[in-house]
Structures are given as structure tokens and as C-alpha cells.
N, C-alpha and C. Protein backbone atom coordinates (compact mmCIF):
# COMPACT_ATOMS: atom_id res chain seq x y z
N MET A 1 89.57 115.97 88.67
CA MET A 1 90.09 114.75 88.06
C MET A 1 89.43 113.56 88.77
N SER A 2 88.91 112.64 87.99
CA SER A 2 88.26 111.47 88.57
C SER A 2 89.29 110.49 89.13
N THR A 3 88.82 109.57 89.94
CA THR A 3 89.71 108.56 90.50
C THR A 3 90.37 107.74 89.41
N LYS A 4 89.60 107.38 88.40
CA LYS A 4 90.17 106.60 87.29
C LYS A 4 91.27 107.39 86.57
N GLU A 5 91.03 108.68 86.38
CA GLU A 5 92.05 109.51 85.73
C GLU A 5 93.31 109.59 86.58
N LYS A 6 93.14 109.68 87.89
CA LYS A 6 94.29 109.72 88.79
C LYS A 6 95.08 108.43 88.70
N VAL A 7 94.37 107.31 88.67
CA VAL A 7 95.05 106.00 88.58
C VAL A 7 95.80 105.90 87.26
N HIS A 8 95.17 106.33 86.18
CA HIS A 8 95.85 106.29 84.88
C HIS A 8 97.10 107.16 84.89
N THR A 9 97.01 108.33 85.52
CA THR A 9 98.16 109.22 85.60
C THR A 9 99.30 108.56 86.38
N ILE A 10 98.96 107.93 87.49
CA ILE A 10 99.98 107.27 88.31
C ILE A 10 100.63 106.15 87.52
N VAL A 11 99.81 105.33 86.87
CA VAL A 11 100.35 104.19 86.10
C VAL A 11 101.22 104.69 84.96
N ASP A 12 100.81 105.77 84.31
CA ASP A 12 101.62 106.32 83.21
C ASP A 12 103.00 106.77 83.67
N ARG A 13 103.13 107.15 84.93
CA ARG A 13 104.41 107.65 85.44
C ARG A 13 105.32 106.54 85.98
N LEU A 14 104.82 105.31 86.06
CA LEU A 14 105.62 104.21 86.59
C LEU A 14 106.73 103.82 85.61
N THR A 15 107.86 103.44 86.17
CA THR A 15 108.92 102.89 85.33
C THR A 15 108.51 101.47 84.93
N GLU A 16 109.21 100.90 84.00
CA GLU A 16 108.91 99.54 83.56
C GLU A 16 109.03 98.55 84.73
N GLU A 17 110.04 98.74 85.54
CA GLU A 17 110.25 97.86 86.71
C GLU A 17 109.11 98.00 87.72
N GLN A 18 108.69 99.23 87.97
CA GLN A 18 107.58 99.46 88.90
C GLN A 18 106.29 98.88 88.36
N LEU A 19 106.06 99.02 87.06
CA LEU A 19 104.86 98.49 86.44
C LEU A 19 104.84 96.96 86.52
N ASN A 20 105.98 96.33 86.30
CA ASN A 20 106.06 94.88 86.42
C ASN A 20 105.77 94.43 87.85
N ALA A 21 106.27 95.16 88.84
CA ALA A 21 105.98 94.83 90.24
C ALA A 21 104.49 94.97 90.54
N LEU A 22 103.87 96.02 90.00
CA LEU A 22 102.43 96.20 90.19
C LEU A 22 101.65 95.06 89.56
N LEU A 23 102.06 94.63 88.39
CA LEU A 23 101.38 93.52 87.73
C LEU A 23 101.50 92.22 88.53
N VAL A 24 102.65 92.01 89.16
CA VAL A 24 102.81 90.82 90.00
C VAL A 24 101.84 90.88 91.17
N ILE A 25 101.74 92.05 91.79
CA ILE A 25 100.81 92.21 92.92
C ILE A 25 99.37 91.98 92.46
N LEU A 26 98.98 92.64 91.40
CA LEU A 26 97.60 92.53 90.93
C LEU A 26 97.31 91.15 90.35
N GLY A 27 98.32 90.50 89.81
CA GLY A 27 98.13 89.16 89.26
C GLY A 27 97.82 88.12 90.32
N SER A 28 98.18 88.43 91.56
CA SER A 28 97.91 87.48 92.63
C SER A 28 96.49 87.60 93.17
N VAL A 29 95.72 88.58 92.66
CA VAL A 29 94.33 88.76 93.08
C VAL A 29 93.47 87.77 92.34
N ASP A 30 92.59 87.11 93.08
CA ASP A 30 91.66 86.15 92.49
C ASP A 30 90.70 86.88 91.55
N ASN A 31 90.56 86.41 90.33
CA ASN A 31 89.69 87.04 89.36
C ASN A 31 88.26 86.53 89.48
N SER A 32 87.61 86.82 90.58
CA SER A 32 86.22 86.41 90.77
C SER A 32 85.31 87.42 90.11
N ASP A 33 84.02 87.10 90.07
CA ASP A 33 83.05 87.99 89.46
C ASP A 33 82.65 89.14 90.37
N ASN A 34 83.05 89.12 91.61
CA ASN A 34 82.65 90.13 92.57
C ASN A 34 83.75 91.18 92.69
N ASP A 35 83.47 92.39 92.18
CA ASP A 35 84.48 93.47 92.20
C ASP A 35 84.87 93.86 93.62
N ASP A 36 83.92 93.77 94.56
CA ASP A 36 84.24 94.13 95.95
C ASP A 36 85.31 93.21 96.52
N ASN A 37 85.27 91.93 96.17
CA ASN A 37 86.29 90.99 96.64
C ASN A 37 87.65 91.35 96.05
N ASP A 38 87.68 91.78 94.80
CA ASP A 38 88.94 92.17 94.17
C ASP A 38 89.56 93.37 94.87
N VAL A 39 88.73 94.36 95.19
CA VAL A 39 89.22 95.55 95.87
C VAL A 39 89.76 95.17 97.25
N ASP A 40 89.00 94.34 97.97
CA ASP A 40 89.45 93.91 99.30
C ASP A 40 90.76 93.13 99.20
N ALA A 41 90.88 92.30 98.17
CA ALA A 41 92.10 91.51 98.01
C ALA A 41 93.30 92.41 97.72
N VAL A 42 93.13 93.39 96.85
CA VAL A 42 94.23 94.30 96.54
C VAL A 42 94.61 95.10 97.79
N MET A 43 93.62 95.58 98.53
CA MET A 43 93.91 96.33 99.75
C MET A 43 94.66 95.44 100.75
N GLY A 44 94.27 94.18 100.84
CA GLY A 44 94.96 93.26 101.74
C GLY A 44 96.40 93.04 101.33
N ILE A 45 96.63 92.89 100.04
CA ILE A 45 97.99 92.69 99.53
C ILE A 45 98.84 93.92 99.82
N LEU A 46 98.29 95.10 99.57
CA LEU A 46 99.04 96.33 99.83
C LEU A 46 99.31 96.50 101.32
N HIS A 47 98.34 96.13 102.15
CA HIS A 47 98.54 96.21 103.60
C HIS A 47 99.66 95.27 104.03
N ASP A 48 99.67 94.06 103.47
CA ASP A 48 100.71 93.09 103.81
C ASP A 48 102.10 93.57 103.38
N ALA A 49 102.15 94.35 102.30
CA ALA A 49 103.43 94.83 101.79
C ALA A 49 103.90 96.10 102.51
N ALA A 50 103.02 96.70 103.29
CA ALA A 50 103.36 97.96 103.98
C ALA A 50 104.41 97.72 105.06
N ASN A 51 105.22 98.73 105.28
CA ASN A 51 106.23 98.67 106.33
C ASN A 51 105.80 99.63 107.44
N PRO A 52 105.22 99.11 108.53
CA PRO A 52 104.70 99.98 109.59
C PRO A 52 105.77 100.89 110.20
N ASP A 53 107.03 100.49 110.14
CA ASP A 53 108.10 101.32 110.70
C ASP A 53 108.28 102.63 109.94
N LEU A 54 107.83 102.65 108.67
CA LEU A 54 108.00 103.85 107.86
C LEU A 54 106.82 104.82 107.98
N ILE A 55 105.70 104.37 108.52
CA ILE A 55 104.51 105.22 108.60
C ILE A 55 104.77 106.51 109.36
N PRO A 56 105.46 106.49 110.51
CA PRO A 56 105.71 107.76 111.21
C PRO A 56 106.56 108.74 110.39
N LEU A 57 107.35 108.22 109.47
CA LEU A 57 108.20 109.10 108.66
C LEU A 57 107.41 109.84 107.58
N GLU A 58 106.18 109.35 107.29
CA GLU A 58 105.38 109.98 106.25
C GLU A 58 104.92 111.38 106.66
N GLU A 59 104.67 111.58 107.94
CA GLU A 59 104.23 112.90 108.38
C GLU A 59 105.34 113.91 108.15
N GLY A 60 105.02 114.92 107.38
CA GLY A 60 105.99 115.96 107.08
C GLY A 60 106.94 115.62 105.94
N ALA A 61 106.78 114.46 105.32
CA ALA A 61 107.71 114.04 104.26
C ALA A 61 107.64 114.97 103.06
N TRP A 62 106.45 115.41 102.70
CA TRP A 62 106.31 116.29 101.55
C TRP A 62 107.05 117.60 101.82
N GLY A 63 106.84 118.17 102.98
CA GLY A 63 107.50 119.43 103.33
C GLY A 63 109.01 119.30 103.34
N ARG A 64 109.52 118.19 103.87
CA ARG A 64 110.97 117.97 103.88
C ARG A 64 111.51 117.83 102.46
N ALA A 65 110.76 117.15 101.60
CA ALA A 65 111.21 116.95 100.22
C ALA A 65 111.26 118.30 99.47
N VAL A 66 110.26 119.13 99.71
CA VAL A 66 110.23 120.45 99.06
C VAL A 66 111.39 121.30 99.57
N ALA A 67 111.61 121.27 100.89
CA ALA A 67 112.71 122.05 101.46
C ALA A 67 114.06 121.57 100.93
N GLU A 68 114.19 120.25 100.78
CA GLU A 68 115.45 119.69 100.27
C GLU A 68 115.67 120.11 98.83
N ARG A 69 114.61 120.08 98.04
CA ARG A 69 114.76 120.40 96.62
C ARG A 69 114.91 121.90 96.36
N TYR A 70 114.10 122.71 97.05
CA TYR A 70 114.06 124.14 96.75
C TYR A 70 114.68 125.01 97.83
N GLY A 71 115.08 124.40 98.92
CA GLY A 71 115.62 125.19 100.03
C GLY A 71 114.50 125.80 100.85
N ASN A 72 114.84 126.30 101.99
CA ASN A 72 113.83 126.91 102.86
C ASN A 72 113.45 128.28 102.29
N ALA A 73 112.15 128.50 102.22
CA ALA A 73 111.66 129.77 101.63
C ALA A 73 111.69 130.90 102.63
């Protein structure tokens, strides 16, 4: 699956509220002619919105979610 296909899949799964929030974030990106600047701007916005306190919780999160949903195998 290409990166574009992955992005389309993710966007298709967003709720209306999540999609509106994404549009607000992306709408704040300057629409210049340089695509590299747009990518850097989006990455900067996402970095600013990140919560560093939650990063350590990401390790093992998938495994915990699977165990919670399906029980320990």
C-alpha cells in the first residue's frame, strides 16, 4: 500500500469531529508554492500539538490494547 493510500485510509476512518480538527490544523499551514515548506509546517504543527508526557506510554500500547480486548493468549 502506498503512502497516499495509507493517508486516504486514515482520513476515511476519521469521525466528522476528527476530520474538522485535522482541517483546522492543515488550514493553518501557509499555502506557498514550495511543497517542502508545507510538509515542514505540518510536521511543526503536529510536533507543537504533541504531549511529551504520553510518549513513554506508547511503548507496548498496542500489546496492552490487544490483551485488553482479547485477553491474554
